[in-house]
Amino acid sequence: MYRLVSQKRKTGSVAVQTSRRCRKPVLTAEERESIRRCIEEKLDITIEESREQLQFSPSYSTVERAITAMGYTLKKKSLYASECDRI
């Protein structure tokens, strides 16, 4: 109750202020689109390679989260059958 009274004094409204509750996104829409373009140009690109191609320098985990949010999956590069015989 006291919080609503002080909010009414400060802002003139008792409406819920949801915009102040969430964290701002690290990547903008343009940056996410540039990550998407990197992936579409070269489908087997690694996260490190995509970070090098970008003009900004996000962290590894930020790029990884953005890629999974776009619906792409991260796949490990496996050995081909001819390479497995050599081992």
Protein backbone atom coordinates (compact mmCIF):
# COMPACT_ATOMS: atom_id res chain seq x y z
CA MET A 1 0.00 0.00 0.00
CA TYR A 2 2.79 2.43 0.92
CA ARG A 3 4.56 1.76 -2.37
CA LEU A 4 1.42 2.65 -4.34
CA VAL A 5 0.99 5.89 -2.40
CA SER A 6 4.60 6.93 -3.07
CA GLN A 7 4.27 5.92 -6.75
CA LYS A 8 1.10 8.04 -7.01
CA ARG A 9 3.01 11.02 -5.59
CA LYS A 10 5.99 10.56 -7.95
CA THR A 11 4.29 9.64 -11.22
CA GLY A 12 0.64 10.57 -10.75
CA SER A 13 -0.45 7.02 -11.58
CA VAL A 14 -0.74 3.67 -9.81
CA ALA A 15 -0.41 1.62 -13.00
CA VAL A 16 1.95 -1.36 -12.97
CA GLN A 17 5.41 -0.40 -14.24
CA THR A 18 6.45 -3.56 -16.04
CA SER A 19 8.98 -1.87 -18.31
CA ARG A 20 11.36 -1.36 -15.40
CA ARG A 21 11.30 -4.98 -14.31
CA CYS A 22 13.09 -6.76 -17.13
CA ARG A 23 16.70 -6.68 -18.22
CA LYS A 24 17.50 -4.93 -21.48
CA PRO A 25 18.62 -7.26 -24.29
CA VAL A 26 22.36 -7.35 -24.96
CA LEU A 27 21.94 -7.72 -28.73
CA THR A 28 19.84 -5.35 -30.80
CA ALA A 29 17.62 -6.56 -33.62
CA GLU A 30 20.23 -5.48 -36.18
CA GLU A 31 22.96 -7.45 -34.41
CA ARG A 32 20.79 -10.56 -34.25
CA GLU A 33 20.05 -10.17 -37.96
CA SER A 34 23.78 -9.96 -38.74
CA ILE A 35 24.32 -13.21 -36.78
CA ARG A 36 21.52 -14.80 -38.81
CA ARG A 37 23.13 -13.64 -42.07
CA CYS A 38 26.49 -15.14 -41.02
CA ILE A 39 24.81 -18.47 -40.39
CA GLU A 40 22.85 -18.42 -43.65
CA GLU A 41 25.98 -17.60 -45.68
CA LYS A 42 27.91 -20.51 -44.21
CA LEU A 43 25.80 -23.17 -42.51
CA ASP A 44 28.69 -25.00 -40.82
CA ILE A 45 30.16 -21.86 -39.25
CA THR A 46 31.33 -22.12 -35.65
CA ILE A 47 30.47 -19.61 -32.96
CA GLU A 48 34.06 -18.38 -32.84
CA GLU A 49 34.11 -17.82 -36.61
CA SER A 50 30.84 -15.91 -36.46
CA ARG A 51 32.20 -13.72 -33.65
CA GLU A 52 35.23 -12.88 -35.80
CA GLN A 53 33.04 -11.89 -38.77
CA LEU A 54 30.80 -9.60 -36.73
CA GLN A 55 31.69 -5.93 -36.39
CA PHE A 56 30.86 -5.94 -32.68
CA SER A 57 32.33 -8.24 -30.05
CA PRO A 58 29.68 -10.11 -28.05
CA SER A 59 30.70 -12.88 -25.69
CA TYR A 60 30.63 -16.52 -26.74
CA SER A 61 27.62 -17.33 -24.56
CA THR A 62 25.66 -14.33 -25.85
CA VAL A 63 26.07 -15.49 -29.45
CA GLU A 64 25.24 -19.07 -28.46
CA ARG A 65 22.02 -17.99 -26.73
CA ALA A 66 21.03 -15.85 -29.71
CA ILE A 67 21.59 -18.77 -32.09
CA THR A 68 19.47 -21.15 -30.03
CA ALA A 69 16.75 -18.50 -29.68
CA MET A 70 16.64 -18.26 -33.49
CA GLY A 71 15.92 -21.99 -33.65
CA TYR A 72 19.28 -23.17 -34.91
CA THR A 73 20.94 -26.14 -33.27
CA LEU A 74 24.59 -26.49 -32.41
CA LYS A 75 26.09 -29.67 -33.79
CA LYS A 76 29.47 -31.16 -33.16
CA LYS A 77 31.62 -31.88 -36.16
CA SER A 78 31.94 -35.64 -36.38
CA LEU A 79 34.61 -37.70 -38.08
CA TYR A 80 33.81 -39.16 -41.46
CA ALA A 81 34.01 -42.91 -41.94
CA SER A 82 37.37 -42.68 -43.75
CA GLU A 83 38.83 -40.68 -40.87
CA CYS A 84 37.52 -43.15 -38.30
CA ASP A 85 39.48 -45.98 -39.96
CA ARG A 86 42.74 -44.11 -39.49
CA ILE A 87 42.32 -43.84 -35.73
